[in-house]
Each structure stands twice: as structure tokens, then as C-alpha cells.
Amino acid sequence: MIGLSAFGIVTSGIFGGQTIISSSFPGVGGQDPRFVDTVDPEVIKNDPVLNSLFDTRTQISQKPRAEIIEYEVQTGDTLSGIAGKFDVSTDTIKWANDLTGVAIKPGQILKILPVSGVAHKVVSGDNLESVAKKYFAEQQAIMDFPFNDVPDDFKLKVGQVLIIPDGVPPKAPAPARPRPAPQYLAQGPGSPTFEAPGGGNFIWPTNGGLTQYFSWYHPGIDVANRVGPGVAASDGGTVVVSGWPDNYGFGNRVVLDHGNGYKTTYAHLSNIYVTVGQTVSRGQILGQMGSTGRSTGTHLHLEIRYKGIAVNPLAILK
């Protein structure tokens, strides 16, 4: 056991012998996210565009944590205070520890998940679809959480522990299930635009419902639509990537350089209609929404980066 008395953390790494990192990570460029630095606040403070984006619309991510840890309750602790300290919901702590109320006492040991949701130990017969359905969650979110170590063939290993982001237990009270509907609906190319800091003017690139949001391990948004509509350029720019150039999980993708510090990435496309070096205009169709790469269903993974730093597209697509 590792004692960190300042925070009451008494153990870490309750994954046993499981390999906790996958070979590819959609959204993080194939790098192990445990070693990707979080955004330096000084960089943001000294750049007016990043300052406006992060201070008003986008929360700076915390250092990623893979493990379920154990926390020893300290005198004066409350369940909501502990939840805030570890950036998870109070329900997440209650579910992980079979708590029926909010009462806790000093010396009590609580399991703390790395993100809000639930944990699941894989048993014989489980697959990604059945696990997602059981916890009212998205298959893609389970797969994208990098420490789940879901292989490219999506086959789960009996005994492995999965983190189910935003999942809820099957026996959770009715108000907690099913999973709430997406708060936003992508309206598609031609929607009203919002003038982004730094001169960007980004439109929704396609139609569909939001199935995954921006987070440290998923630095973009997912827009799903079973019919596979066209995907348009959110703003004008030059094509700098077109095709399936690597095995990082994006499958077919297009990356546009907008010439003002912004780049956008459109991933998992079924077809691509543009080539590297081509200049495209805002609203021009780049390809079709698909399910290529590490994908569990037809959707678009969209990233918007400014000077290489991922910002929440919902701060830009207005």
C-alpha cells in the first residue's frame, strides 16, 4: 500500500494484472495519455485566444488517472466534497461503494473511479454492446476510455475491469436511467455561426445527435447518425491530411488547416472526396460519415485545435 496521508489515498491500481493501456488511442494521436501534459495555465494566460476559449467556455483538463483508487475519509469530509476533489459525481462514489445515502465517517475506505460512471468486471458472455446496454452507456465511450484496453477486434477478456464513462447501474433509481438524451443536436452545415476568438467562424459539419462529449481522453465530440450523411468543412481551409495514414484509430479522416492557428479533424469517414493540398470552402462536403477505424457505429469524431491545443468544439460551434 502507498500512503498519501494529505489526501487520504491508501491504495491505487485495483486493476490487478490487467494491461491498462491500449495500443492505439482515438483522439490522442496514438500517445499514452498518462504521459501527455495537460494544458499549461501560463500558456493560456499569455495567449488571448486560448485565454478566452478556456476561461469562458472550456475547462482545463486534470491530469489523467487510470486506476480505481481507495480514499480514506478524513474528519470533516463530505461525500460531495470528496466527489469534487476527484472530479466525479456523488452518485459515482455511492454506486462504487454500495452507499444508500450520503453519510460517511472518518476512517471509512471509499473506492473512487477515475471518471464519473461505473466499473464492470467482465464475465463470460459479455461483449461491448451488452455491457453498454446494461449500464445505459455508449459503446464508443467505453472503447475510447484508453485504460480499458479494448482491442481492435472489440473482444473483452473475462476478468478485466472496464470503466463505463457516464454509465449507471441497472438497479439505479428511475430518475438516473435511462441515460439522459444529448443536450445538443447538431444542425448540420449552414447553421448560424459564432465568431470564434482568433478569427474562426465554424459551422456544424453534419447532422445528428451528440453521443460523446469533450474530455481529457476524448478531445473532441462525436456526432452520430445511422444514415451516414455528408460531412462538411466547418470553415474554409487547406486539406493537410486525407485518407487512412496511420493506425491511431481514426480510420479515414480529413484534417483542415484554417490558416489562423485553427485545425479541424473529421474522423471515421466512410468516403473522402478531397485530397491533400486542396483548398476547400466553409460548408463544402469533405466526405461521408462512417464507422472506419476504432468505431462501434456510424458517427463523426470532430476535433478543433488552436495552435495544437484541443478546445471544446461546443465552445466554437454556436
C-alpha atoms as a PDB file:
ATOM      1  CA  MET A   1       0.000   0.000   0.000  1.00  0.00           C
ATOM      2  CA  ILE A   2       1.073   3.553  -0.732  1.00  0.00           C
ATOM      3  CA  GLY A   3       0.201   6.050   1.964  1.00  0.00           C
ATOM      4  CA  LEU A   4      -0.551   9.607   0.839  1.00  0.00           C
ATOM      5  CA  SER A   5      -1.982  10.981   4.046  1.00  0.00           C
ATOM      6  CA  ALA A   6      -2.530  14.501   2.749  1.00  0.00           C
ATOM      7  CA  PHE A   7      -5.366  13.208   0.615  1.00  0.00           C
ATOM      8  CA  GLY A   8      -6.179  10.032   2.496  1.00  0.00           C
ATOM      9  CA  ILE A   9      -5.372   7.871  -0.529  1.00  0.00           C
ATOM     10  CA  VAL A  10      -4.278   4.478   0.717  1.00  0.00           C
ATOM     11  CA  THR A  11      -4.014   2.340  -2.410  1.00  0.00           C
ATOM     12  CA  SER A  12      -4.003   2.635  -6.166  1.00  0.00           C
ATOM     13  CA  GLY A  13      -4.253   0.340  -9.160  1.00  0.00           C
ATOM     14  CA  ILE A  14      -7.138  -2.014  -8.425  1.00  0.00           C
ATOM     15  CA  PHE A  15      -6.869  -3.483 -11.902  1.00  0.00           C
ATOM     16  CA  GLY A  16      -4.768  -6.462 -10.834  1.00  0.00           C
ATOM     17  CA  GLY A  17      -2.615  -7.745 -13.667  1.00  0.00           C
ATOM     18  CA  GLN A  18      -4.680  -6.160 -16.424  1.00  0.00           C
ATOM     19  CA  THR A  19      -2.788  -4.285 -19.119  1.00  0.00           C
ATOM     20  CA  ILE A  20      -4.115  -0.804 -18.564  1.00  0.00           C
ATOM     21  CA  ILE A  21      -3.131   0.821 -21.814  1.00  0.00           C
ATOM     22  CA  SER A  22      -4.202   0.085 -25.361  1.00  0.00           C
ATOM     23  CA  SER A  23      -2.032   0.128 -28.440  1.00  0.00           C
ATOM     24  CA  SER A  24      -3.995   2.946 -30.066  1.00  0.00           C
ATOM     25  CA  PHE A  25      -5.952   5.880 -28.776  1.00  0.00           C
ATOM     26  CA  PRO A  26      -8.532   7.706 -30.897  1.00  0.00           C
ATOM     27  CA  GLY A  27      -8.243  11.377 -30.149  1.00  0.00           C
ATOM     28  CA  VAL A  28      -4.818  11.404 -28.534  1.00  0.00           C
ATOM     29  CA  GLY A  29      -2.614  10.743 -31.536  1.00  0.00           C
ATOM     30  CA  GLY A  30      -1.578   7.266 -30.501  1.00  0.00           C
ATOM     31  CA  GLN A  31       0.282   8.519 -27.423  1.00  0.00           C
ATOM     32  CA  ASP A  32      -0.179   7.079 -23.977  1.00  0.00           C
ATOM     33  CA  PRO A  33      -2.414   9.753 -22.386  1.00  0.00           C
ATOM     34  CA  ARG A  34      -0.802   9.173 -18.999  1.00  0.00           C
ATOM     35  CA  PHE A  35       2.255  10.968 -20.357  1.00  0.00           C
ATOM     36  CA  VAL A  36       0.561  13.748 -22.305  1.00  0.00           C
ATOM     37  CA  ASP A  37       0.947  17.007 -20.422  1.00  0.00           C
ATOM     38  CA  THR A  38      -2.149  18.910 -19.531  1.00  0.00           C
ATOM     39  CA  VAL A  39      -2.509  22.451 -20.796  1.00  0.00           C
ATOM     40  CA  ASP A  40      -0.137  24.841 -19.048  1.00  0.00           C
ATOM     41  CA  PRO A  41      -2.199  27.672 -17.488  1.00  0.00           C
ATOM     42  CA  GLU A  42       0.670  30.071 -18.225  1.00  0.00           C
ATOM     43  CA  VAL A  43       0.401  29.265 -21.939  1.00  0.00           C
ATOM     44  CA  ILE A  44      -3.314  30.015 -21.835  1.00  0.00           C
ATOM     45  CA  LYS A  45      -2.832  33.211 -19.840  1.00  0.00           C
ATOM     46  CA  ASN A  46      -0.305  34.551 -22.336  1.00  0.00           C
ATOM     47  CA  ASP A  47      -2.356  33.740 -25.428  1.00  0.00           C
ATOM     48  CA  PRO A  48      -5.514  35.881 -25.726  1.00  0.00           C
ATOM     49  CA  VAL A  49      -7.318  33.337 -27.923  1.00  0.00           C
ATOM     50  CA  LEU A  50      -6.653  30.386 -25.627  1.00  0.00           C
ATOM     51  CA  ASN A  51      -7.414  32.562 -22.627  1.00  0.00           C
ATOM     52  CA  SER A  52     -10.845  33.416 -23.972  1.00  0.00           C
ATOM     53  CA  LEU A  53     -11.589  29.836 -25.007  1.00  0.00           C
ATOM     54  CA  PHE A  54     -10.516  28.124 -21.817  1.00  0.00           C
ATOM     55  CA  ASP A  55     -11.531  30.752 -19.288  1.00  0.00           C
ATOM     56  CA  THR A  56     -15.073  31.213 -20.525  1.00  0.00           C
ATOM     57  CA  ARG A  57     -16.105  28.000 -22.222  1.00  0.00           C
ATOM     58  CA  THR A  58     -13.681  25.130 -21.749  1.00  0.00           C
ATOM     59  CA  GLN A  59     -12.467  23.598 -18.532  1.00  0.00           C
ATOM     60  CA  ILE A  60      -8.770  22.806 -18.414  1.00  0.00           C
ATOM     61  CA  SER A  61      -8.405  19.062 -18.049  1.00  0.00           C
ATOM     62  CA  GLN A  62      -6.922  17.456 -14.945  1.00  0.00           C
ATOM     63  CA  LYS A  63      -4.031  15.015 -15.009  1.00  0.00           C
ATOM     64  CA  PRO A  64      -5.452  11.720 -16.275  1.00  0.00           C
ATOM     65  CA  ARG A  65      -5.930   8.890 -13.814  1.00  0.00           C
ATOM     66  CA  ALA A  66      -6.299   5.283 -14.892  1.00  0.00           C
ATOM     67  CA  GLU A  67      -6.835   3.493 -11.637  1.00  0.00           C
ATOM     68  CA  ILE A  68      -9.689   2.969  -9.270  1.00  0.00           C
ATOM     69  CA  ILE A  69      -8.155   4.246  -6.048  1.00  0.00           C
ATOM     70  CA  GLU A  70      -9.138   3.935  -2.407  1.00  0.00           C
ATOM     71  CA  TYR A  71      -9.648   7.037  -0.296  1.00  0.00           C
ATOM     72  CA  GLU A  72      -9.734   7.115   3.495  1.00  0.00           C
ATOM     73  CA  VAL A  73     -12.391   9.514   4.723  1.00  0.00           C
ATOM     74  CA  GLN A  74     -10.947  12.326   6.827  1.00  0.00           C
ATOM     75  CA  THR A  75     -12.587  14.297   9.622  1.00  0.00           C
ATOM     76  CA  GLY A  76     -14.801  16.971   8.079  1.00  0.00           C
ATOM     77  CA  ASP A  77     -15.147  15.224   4.726  1.00  0.00           C
ATOM     78  CA  THR A  78     -18.491  15.143   2.950  1.00  0.00           C
ATOM     79  CA  LEU A  79     -19.474  12.932   0.043  1.00  0.00           C
ATOM     80  CA  SER A  80     -19.973  15.935  -2.222  1.00  0.00           C
ATOM     81  CA  GLY A  81     -16.616  17.382  -1.154  1.00  0.00           C
ATOM     82  CA  ILE A  82     -14.810  14.131  -1.967  1.00  0.00           C
ATOM     83  CA  ALA A  83     -16.607  13.972  -5.308  1.00  0.00           C
ATOM     84  CA  GLY A  84     -15.456  17.497  -6.096  1.00  0.00           C
ATOM     85  CA  LYS A  85     -11.882  16.707  -5.064  1.00  0.00           C
ATOM     86  CA  PHE A  86     -11.710  13.832  -7.541  1.00  0.00           C
ATOM     87  CA  ASP A  87     -13.938  15.397 -10.206  1.00  0.00           C
ATOM     88  CA  VAL A  88     -16.553  12.638 -10.223  1.00  0.00           C
ATOM     89  CA  SER A  89     -20.243  12.675  -9.366  1.00  0.00           C
ATOM     90  CA  THR A  90     -21.511  11.830  -5.891  1.00  0.00           C
ATOM     91  CA  ASP A  91     -23.575   9.044  -7.448  1.00  0.00           C
ATOM     92  CA  THR A  92     -20.385   7.520  -8.863  1.00  0.00           C
ATOM     93  CA  ILE A  93     -18.965   7.199  -5.346  1.00  0.00           C
ATOM     94  CA  LYS A  94     -22.253   5.899  -3.952  1.00  0.00           C
ATOM     95  CA  TRP A  95     -22.563   3.237  -6.657  1.00  0.00           C
ATOM     96  CA  ALA A  96     -18.946   2.078  -6.309  1.00  0.00           C
ATOM     97  CA  ASN A  97     -19.320   1.672  -2.557  1.00  0.00           C
ATOM     98  CA  ASP A  98     -22.926   0.445  -2.295  1.00  0.00           C
ATOM     99  CA  LEU A  99     -23.953   3.517  -0.323  1.00  0.00           C
ATOM    100  CA  THR A 100     -27.663   4.214   0.052  1.00  0.00           C
ATOM    101  CA  GLY A 101     -27.233   7.699   1.489  1.00  0.00           C
ATOM    102  CA  VAL A 102     -24.589  10.393   1.865  1.00  0.00           C
ATOM    103  CA  ALA A 103     -23.488   9.564   5.416  1.00  0.00           C
ATOM    104  CA  ILE A 104     -19.771   8.741   5.736  1.00  0.00           C
ATOM    105  CA  LYS A 105     -17.408   8.585   8.714  1.00  0.00           C
ATOM    106  CA  PRO A 106     -13.692   9.164   9.310  1.00  0.00           C
ATOM    107  CA  GLY A 107     -11.593   6.089   8.599  1.00  0.00           C
ATOM    108  CA  GLN A 108     -14.067   4.692   6.088  1.00  0.00           C
ATOM    109  CA  ILE A 109     -12.436   3.490   2.844  1.00  0.00           C
ATOM    110  CA  LEU A 110     -14.121   4.546  -0.390  1.00  0.00           C
ATOM    111  CA  LYS A 111     -13.389   3.348  -3.910  1.00  0.00           C
ATOM    112  CA  ILE A 112     -13.013   6.290  -6.299  1.00  0.00           C
ATOM    113  CA  LEU A 113     -13.335   5.780 -10.061  1.00  0.00           C
ATOM    114  CA  PRO A 114     -11.193   7.859 -12.442  1.00  0.00           C
ATOM    115  CA  VAL A 115     -14.272   9.380 -14.131  1.00  0.00           C
ATOM    116  CA  SER A 116     -17.980   9.605 -13.423  1.00  0.00           C
ATOM    117  CA  GLY A 117     -19.773   6.362 -14.173  1.00  0.00           C
ATOM    118  CA  VAL A 118     -19.479   2.769 -13.032  1.00  0.00           C
ATOM    119  CA  ALA A 119     -16.965  -0.089 -13.123  1.00  0.00           C
ATOM    120  CA  HIS A 120     -17.711  -3.524 -14.545  1.00  0.00           C
ATOM    121  CA  LYS A 121     -15.790  -6.784 -14.249  1.00  0.00           C
ATOM    122  CA  VAL A 122     -16.138  -8.750 -17.472  1.00  0.00           C
ATOM    123  CA  VAL A 123     -17.743 -12.196 -17.198  1.00  0.00           C
ATOM    124  CA  SER A 124     -18.157 -14.939 -19.775  1.00  0.00           C
ATOM    125  CA  GLY A 125     -20.601 -13.914 -22.497  1.00  0.00           C
ATOM    126  CA  ASP A 126     -20.030 -10.189 -22.139  1.00  0.00           C
ATOM    127  CA  ASN A 127     -19.379  -8.072 -25.201  1.00  0.00           C
ATOM    128  CA  LEU A 128     -19.070  -4.340 -25.714  1.00  0.00           C
ATOM    129  CA  GLU A 129     -22.687  -3.987 -26.824  1.00  0.00           C
ATOM    130  CA  SER A 130     -24.153  -5.943 -23.907  1.00  0.00           C
ATOM    131  CA  VAL A 131     -22.052  -4.083 -21.337  1.00  0.00           C
ATOM    132  CA  ALA A 132     -23.020  -0.696 -22.778  1.00  0.00           C
ATOM    133  CA  LYS A 133     -26.695  -1.669 -22.800  1.00  0.00           C
ATOM    134  CA  LYS A 134     -26.547  -2.927 -19.213  1.00  0.00           C
ATOM    135  CA  TYR A 135     -25.288   0.417 -17.941  1.00  0.00           C
ATOM    136  CA  PHE A 136     -27.239   2.714 -20.318  1.00  0.00           C
ATOM    137  CA  ALA A 137     -23.943   3.869 -21.824  1.00  0.00           C
ATOM    138  CA  GLU A 138     -22.316   4.367 -25.223  1.00  0.00           C
ATOM    139  CA  GLN A 139     -20.150   1.586 -26.673  1.00  0.00           C
ATOM    140  CA  GLN A 140     -17.833   4.161 -28.227  1.00  0.00           C
ATOM    141  CA  ALA A 141     -17.216   5.857 -24.879  1.00  0.00           C
ATOM    142  CA  ILE A 142     -16.258   2.538 -23.260  1.00  0.00           C
ATOM    143  CA  MET A 143     -13.852   1.771 -26.071  1.00  0.00           C
ATOM    144  CA  ASP A 144     -12.404   5.288 -26.190  1.00  0.00           C
ATOM    145  CA  PHE A 145     -11.538   5.333 -22.486  1.00  0.00           C
ATOM    146  CA  PRO A 146      -7.884   4.422 -23.112  1.00  0.00           C
ATOM    147  CA  PHE A 147      -7.165   2.488 -19.937  1.00  0.00           C
ATOM    148  CA  ASN A 148      -9.941  -0.002 -20.701  1.00  0.00           C
ATOM    149  CA  ASP A 149      -7.559  -1.719 -23.100  1.00  0.00           C
ATOM    150  CA  VAL A 150     -10.277  -2.765 -25.535  1.00  0.00           C
ATOM    151  CA  PRO A 151      -8.501  -4.377 -28.518  1.00  0.00           C
ATOM    152  CA  ASP A 152      -9.218  -3.509 -32.114  1.00  0.00           C
ATOM    153  CA  ASP A 153     -11.418  -6.587 -32.514  1.00  0.00           C
ATOM    154  CA  PHE A 154     -13.525  -5.367 -29.541  1.00  0.00           C
ATOM    155  CA  LYS A 155     -13.223  -8.735 -27.767  1.00  0.00           C
ATOM    156  CA  LEU A 156     -13.305  -8.423 -23.988  1.00  0.00           C
ATOM    157  CA  LYS A 157     -11.237 -10.550 -21.602  1.00  0.00           C
ATOM    158  CA  VAL A 158     -13.009 -12.354 -18.781  1.00  0.00           C
ATOM    159  CA  GLY A 159     -11.923 -10.767 -15.513  1.00  0.00           C
ATOM    160  CA  GLN A 160     -10.837  -7.409 -16.918  1.00  0.00           C
ATOM    161  CA  VAL A 161     -12.254  -4.325 -15.272  1.00  0.00           C
ATOM    162  CA  LEU A 162     -13.917  -1.757 -17.522  1.00  0.00           C
ATOM    163  CA  ILE A 163     -14.668   1.833 -16.657  1.00  0.00           C
ATOM    164  CA  ILE A 164     -18.056   2.810 -18.089  1.00  0.00           C
ATOM    165  CA  PRO A 165     -17.998   6.613 -18.509  1.00  0.00           C
ATOM    166  CA  ASP A 166     -21.362   8.162 -17.562  1.00  0.00           C
ATOM    167  CA  GLY A 167     -22.849   4.698 -17.029  1.00  0.00           C
ATOM    168  CA  VAL A 168     -25.432   3.976 -14.343  1.00  0.00           C
ATOM    169  CA  PRO A 169     -26.155   0.682 -12.552  1.00  0.00           C
ATOM    170  CA  PRO A 170     -29.095  -1.431 -13.783  1.00  0.00           C
ATOM    171  CA  LYS A 171     -30.746  -1.077 -10.379  1.00  0.00           C
ATOM    172  CA  ALA A 172     -30.213   2.676 -10.102  1.00  0.00           C
ATOM    173  CA  PRO A 173     -33.300   4.727  -9.173  1.00  0.00           C
ATOM    174  CA  ALA A 174     -35.542   5.528 -12.118  1.00  0.00           C
ATOM    175  CA  PRO A 175     -34.504   9.216 -12.357  1.00  0.00           C
ATOM    176  CA  ALA A 176     -30.922   8.094 -13.040  1.00  0.00           C
ATOM    177  CA  ARG A 177     -31.853   5.948 -16.031  1.00  0.00           C
ATOM    178  CA  PRO A 178     -32.006   5.625 -18.909  1.00  0.00           C
ATOM    179  CA  ARG A 179     -29.071   7.802 -19.794  1.00  0.00           C
ATOM    180  CA  PRO A 180     -30.179  11.395 -20.436  1.00  0.00           C
ATOM    181  CA  ALA A 181     -30.651  12.382 -24.064  1.00  0.00           C
ATOM    182  CA  PRO A 182     -27.906  14.565 -25.597  1.00  0.00           C
ATOM    183  CA  GLN A 183     -28.220  18.206 -24.642  1.00  0.00           C
ATOM    184  CA  TYR A 184     -27.319  19.389 -28.114  1.00  0.00           C
ATOM    185  CA  LEU A 185     -28.340  18.417 -31.600  1.00  0.00           C
ATOM    186  CA  ALA A 186     -26.019  19.057 -34.490  1.00  0.00           C
ATOM    187  CA  GLN A 187     -27.983  21.094 -37.001  1.00  0.00           C
ATOM    188  CA  GLY A 188     -25.759  20.485 -39.986  1.00  0.00           C
ATOM    189  CA  PRO A 189     -23.934  22.745 -42.439  1.00  0.00           C
ATOM    190  CA  GLY A 190     -25.474  26.169 -42.828  1.00  0.00           C
ATOM    191  CA  SER A 191     -26.418  26.603 -39.179  1.00  0.00           C
ATOM    192  CA  PRO A 192     -25.841  30.036 -37.626  1.00  0.00           C
ATOM    193  CA  THR A 193     -22.167  30.563 -36.854  1.00  0.00           C
ATOM    194  CA  PHE A 194     -20.351  32.057 -33.878  1.00  0.00           C
ATOM    195  CA  GLU A 195     -17.254  34.167 -34.415  1.00  0.00           C
ATOM    196  CA  ALA A 196     -14.575  32.219 -32.585  1.00  0.00           C
ATOM    197  CA  PRO A 197     -11.639  34.006 -30.962  1.00  0.00           C
ATOM    198  CA  GLY A 198      -8.798  34.367 -33.425  1.00  0.00           C
ATOM    199  CA  GLY A 199     -10.965  34.796 -36.493  1.00  0.00           C
ATOM    200  CA  GLY A 200     -12.559  31.377 -36.838  1.00  0.00           C
ATOM    201  CA  ASN A 201     -16.164  31.031 -37.927  1.00  0.00           C
ATOM    202  CA  PHE A 202     -17.190  27.397 -37.588  1.00  0.00           C
ATOM    203  CA  ILE A 203     -20.428  25.734 -38.651  1.00  0.00           C
ATOM    204  CA  TRP A 204     -21.772  22.322 -37.643  1.00  0.00           C
ATOM    205  CA  PRO A 205     -20.232  19.911 -40.165  1.00  0.00           C
ATOM    206  CA  THR A 206     -23.073  17.381 -40.219  1.00  0.00           C
ATOM    207  CA  ASN A 207     -26.447  16.335 -38.799  1.00  0.00           C
ATOM    208  CA  GLY A 208     -27.018  14.006 -35.859  1.00  0.00           C
ATOM    209  CA  GLY A 209     -27.127  13.635 -32.113  1.00  0.00           C
ATOM    210  CA  LEU A 210     -24.203  14.140 -29.785  1.00  0.00           C
ATOM    211  CA  THR A 211     -23.193  10.806 -28.279  1.00  0.00           C
ATOM    212  CA  GLN A 212     -19.876  11.727 -26.658  1.00  0.00           C
ATOM    213  CA  TYR A 213     -18.564  14.966 -25.258  1.00  0.00           C
ATOM    214  CA  PHE A 214     -15.204  16.659 -24.808  1.00  0.00           C
ATOM    215  CA  SER A 215     -12.916  15.294 -22.070  1.00  0.00           C
ATOM    216  CA  TRP A 216      -9.222  14.758 -21.345  1.00  0.00           C
ATOM    217  CA  TYR A 217      -9.297  11.344 -23.008  1.00  0.00           C
ATOM    218  CA  HIS A 218     -11.673  12.377 -25.797  1.00  0.00           C
ATOM    219  CA  PRO A 219     -10.573  15.836 -27.001  1.00  0.00           C
ATOM    220  CA  GLY A 220     -13.482  16.306 -29.371  1.00  0.00           C
ATOM    221  CA  ILE A 221     -17.146  15.436 -29.814  1.00  0.00           C
ATOM    222  CA  ASP A 222     -18.949  12.556 -31.515  1.00  0.00           C
ATOM    223  CA  VAL A 223     -21.987  13.176 -33.710  1.00  0.00           C
ATOM    224  CA  ALA A 224     -23.896  10.032 -34.657  1.00  0.00           C
ATOM    225  CA  ASN A 225     -26.357   9.438 -37.465  1.00  0.00           C
ATOM    226  CA  ARG A 226     -27.175   5.959 -38.774  1.00  0.00           C
ATOM    227  CA  VAL A 227     -27.870   7.187 -42.295  1.00  0.00           C
ATOM    228  CA  GLY A 228     -24.286   8.393 -42.747  1.00  0.00           C
ATOM    229  CA  PRO A 229     -24.843  11.945 -44.025  1.00  0.00           C
ATOM    230  CA  GLY A 230     -22.239  14.117 -45.694  1.00  0.00           C
ATOM    231  CA  VAL A 231     -19.585  15.825 -43.585  1.00  0.00           C
ATOM    232  CA  ALA A 232     -18.797  19.429 -44.461  1.00  0.00           C
ATOM    233  CA  ALA A 233     -15.857  21.694 -43.707  1.00  0.00           C
ATOM    234  CA  SER A 234     -16.626  23.684 -40.557  1.00  0.00           C
ATOM    235  CA  ASP A 235     -14.635  26.565 -42.007  1.00  0.00           C
ATOM    236  CA  GLY A 236     -12.590  27.205 -45.114  1.00  0.00           C
ATOM    237  CA  GLY A 237      -9.040  25.929 -45.271  1.00  0.00           C
ATOM    238  CA  THR A 238      -6.466  23.667 -46.840  1.00  0.00           C
ATOM    239  CA  VAL A 239      -6.540  19.872 -46.671  1.00  0.00           C
ATOM    240  CA  VAL A 240      -3.402  18.652 -44.877  1.00  0.00           C
ATOM    241  CA  VAL A 241      -4.479  15.036 -44.210  1.00  0.00           C
ATOM    242  CA  SER A 242      -6.775  12.911 -46.331  1.00  0.00           C
ATOM    243  CA  GLY A 243      -7.200   9.158 -46.012  1.00  0.00           C
ATOM    244  CA  TRP A 244      -6.105   6.474 -43.553  1.00  0.00           C
ATOM    245  CA  PRO A 245      -2.472   7.449 -42.914  1.00  0.00           C
ATOM    246  CA  ASP A 246      -1.901   5.585 -39.627  1.00  0.00           C
ATOM    247  CA  ASN A 247      -3.339   3.108 -37.141  1.00  0.00           C
ATOM    248  CA  TYR A 248      -4.212   5.525 -34.347  1.00  0.00           C
ATOM    249  CA  GLY A 249      -7.885   4.592 -34.526  1.00  0.00           C
ATOM    250  CA  PHE A 250      -9.328   7.439 -36.584  1.00  0.00           C
ATOM    251  CA  GLY A 251      -9.770   5.363 -39.728  1.00  0.00           C
ATOM    252  CA  ASN A 252     -10.450   7.547 -42.765  1.00  0.00           C
ATOM    253  CA  ARG A 253     -10.035  11.170 -41.784  1.00  0.00           C
ATOM    254  CA  VAL A 254      -9.622  14.665 -43.143  1.00  0.00           C
ATOM    255  CA  VAL A 255      -7.645  17.398 -41.386  1.00  0.00           C
ATOM    256  CA  LEU A 256      -8.018  21.030 -42.437  1.00  0.00           C
ATOM    257  CA  ASP A 257      -5.606  23.850 -41.674  1.00  0.00           C
ATOM    258  CA  HIS A 258      -7.620  27.067 -41.485  1.00  0.00           C
ATOM    259  CA  GLY A 259      -4.572  29.350 -41.635  1.00  0.00           C
ATOM    260  CA  ASN A 260      -5.344  31.209 -38.407  1.00  0.00           C
ATOM    261  CA  GLY A 261      -3.998  28.787 -35.816  1.00  0.00           C
ATOM    262  CA  TYR A 262      -7.033  26.510 -36.012  1.00  0.00           C
ATOM    263  CA  LYS A 263      -7.121  22.975 -37.404  1.00  0.00           C
ATOM    264  CA  THR A 264     -10.136  20.677 -37.575  1.00  0.00           C
ATOM    265  CA  THR A 265     -10.191  16.887 -37.790  1.00  0.00           C
ATOM    266  CA  TYR A 266     -13.084  14.826 -39.222  1.00  0.00           C
ATOM    267  CA  ALA A 267     -12.625  11.124 -38.404  1.00  0.00           C
ATOM    268  CA  HIS A 268     -14.173   7.684 -39.103  1.00  0.00           C
ATOM    269  CA  LEU A 269     -15.363   8.714 -42.583  1.00  0.00           C
ATOM    270  CA  SER A 270     -16.667   6.046 -44.950  1.00  0.00           C
ATOM    271  CA  ASN A 271     -15.700   8.023 -48.072  1.00  0.00           C
ATOM    272  CA  ILE A 272     -13.439  11.019 -48.676  1.00  0.00           C
ATOM    273  CA  TYR A 273     -13.954  13.499 -51.521  1.00  0.00           C
ATOM    274  CA  VAL A 274     -10.927  15.805 -51.085  1.00  0.00           C
ATOM    275  CA  THR A 275      -7.158  15.448 -51.458  1.00  0.00           C
ATOM    276  CA  VAL A 276      -4.119  16.839 -49.669  1.00  0.00           C
ATOM    277  CA  GLY A 277      -3.286  20.368 -50.812  1.00  0.00           C
ATOM    278  CA  GLN A 278      -6.826  21.127 -51.957  1.00  0.00           C
ATOM    279  CA  THR A 279      -8.428  24.383 -50.806  1.00  0.00           C
ATOM    280  CA  VAL A 280     -11.982  23.998 -49.547  1.00  0.00           C
ATOM    281  CA  SER A 281     -14.644  26.474 -48.561  1.00  0.00           C
ATOM    282  CA  ARG A 282     -16.855  26.545 -45.483  1.00  0.00           C
ATOM    283  CA  GLY A 283     -19.702  24.059 -45.979  1.00  0.00           C
ATOM    284  CA  GLN A 284     -18.002  22.099 -48.769  1.00  0.00           C
ATOM    285  CA  ILE A 285     -18.579  18.348 -48.431  1.00  0.00           C
ATOM    286  CA  LEU A 286     -15.377  16.549 -47.429  1.00  0.00           C
ATOM    287  CA  GLY A 287     -16.765  13.004 -47.250  1.00  0.00           C
ATOM    288  CA  GLN A 288     -19.426  10.795 -45.703  1.00  0.00           C
ATOM    289  CA  MET A 289     -19.937   9.921 -42.060  1.00  0.00           C
ATOM    290  CA  GLY A 290     -18.867   6.336 -41.444  1.00  0.00           C
ATOM    291  CA  SER A 291     -17.513   3.793 -38.994  1.00  0.00           C
ATOM    292  CA  THR A 292     -13.906   3.224 -40.039  1.00  0.00           C
ATOM    293  CA  GLY A 293     -11.060   2.683 -37.594  1.00  0.00           C
ATOM    294  CA  ARG A 294     -11.806   2.053 -33.920  1.00  0.00           C
ATOM    295  CA  SER A 295     -15.504   2.753 -34.186  1.00  0.00           C
ATOM    296  CA  THR A 296     -18.587   0.972 -32.860  1.00  0.00           C
ATOM    297  CA  GLY A 297     -21.104   2.656 -35.146  1.00  0.00           C
ATOM    298  CA  THR A 298     -21.657   5.337 -37.760  1.00  0.00           C
ATOM    299  CA  HIS A 299     -20.537   8.666 -36.343  1.00  0.00           C
ATOM    300  CA  LEU A 300     -18.231  11.634 -36.857  1.00  0.00           C
ATOM    301  CA  HIS A 301     -15.436  12.359 -34.411  1.00  0.00           C
ATOM    302  CA  LEU A 302     -14.727  16.102 -34.662  1.00  0.00           C
ATOM    303  CA  GLU A 303     -11.763  17.881 -33.122  1.00  0.00           C
ATOM    304  CA  ILE A 304     -10.922  21.565 -33.178  1.00  0.00           C
ATOM    305  CA  ARG A 305      -7.423  22.594 -32.151  1.00  0.00           C
ATOM    306  CA  TYR A 306      -5.868  26.012 -31.763  1.00  0.00           C
ATOM    307  CA  LYS A 307      -2.060  26.045 -32.010  1.00  0.00           C
ATOM    308  CA  GLY A 308      -2.143  22.315 -31.369  1.00  0.00           C
ATOM    309  CA  ILE A 309      -4.255  22.525 -28.214  1.00  0.00           C
ATOM    310  CA  ALA A 310      -7.644  20.804 -28.329  1.00  0.00           C
ATOM    311  CA  VAL A 311     -10.560  23.054 -27.410  1.00  0.00           C
ATOM    312  CA  ASN A 312     -14.142  22.050 -26.826  1.00  0.00           C
ATOM    313  CA  PRO A 313     -15.964  22.256 -30.181  1.00  0.00           C
ATOM    314  CA  LEU A 314     -19.106  23.271 -28.302  1.00  0.00           C
ATOM    315  CA  ALA A 315     -17.258  26.491 -27.460  1.00  0.00           C
ATOM    316  CA  ILE A 316     -16.882  27.174 -31.191  1.00  0.00           C
ATOM    317  CA  LEU A 317     -19.941  25.681 -32.911  1.00  0.00           C
ATOM    318  CA  LYS A 318     -22.619  28.193 -32.000  1.00  0.00           C
END
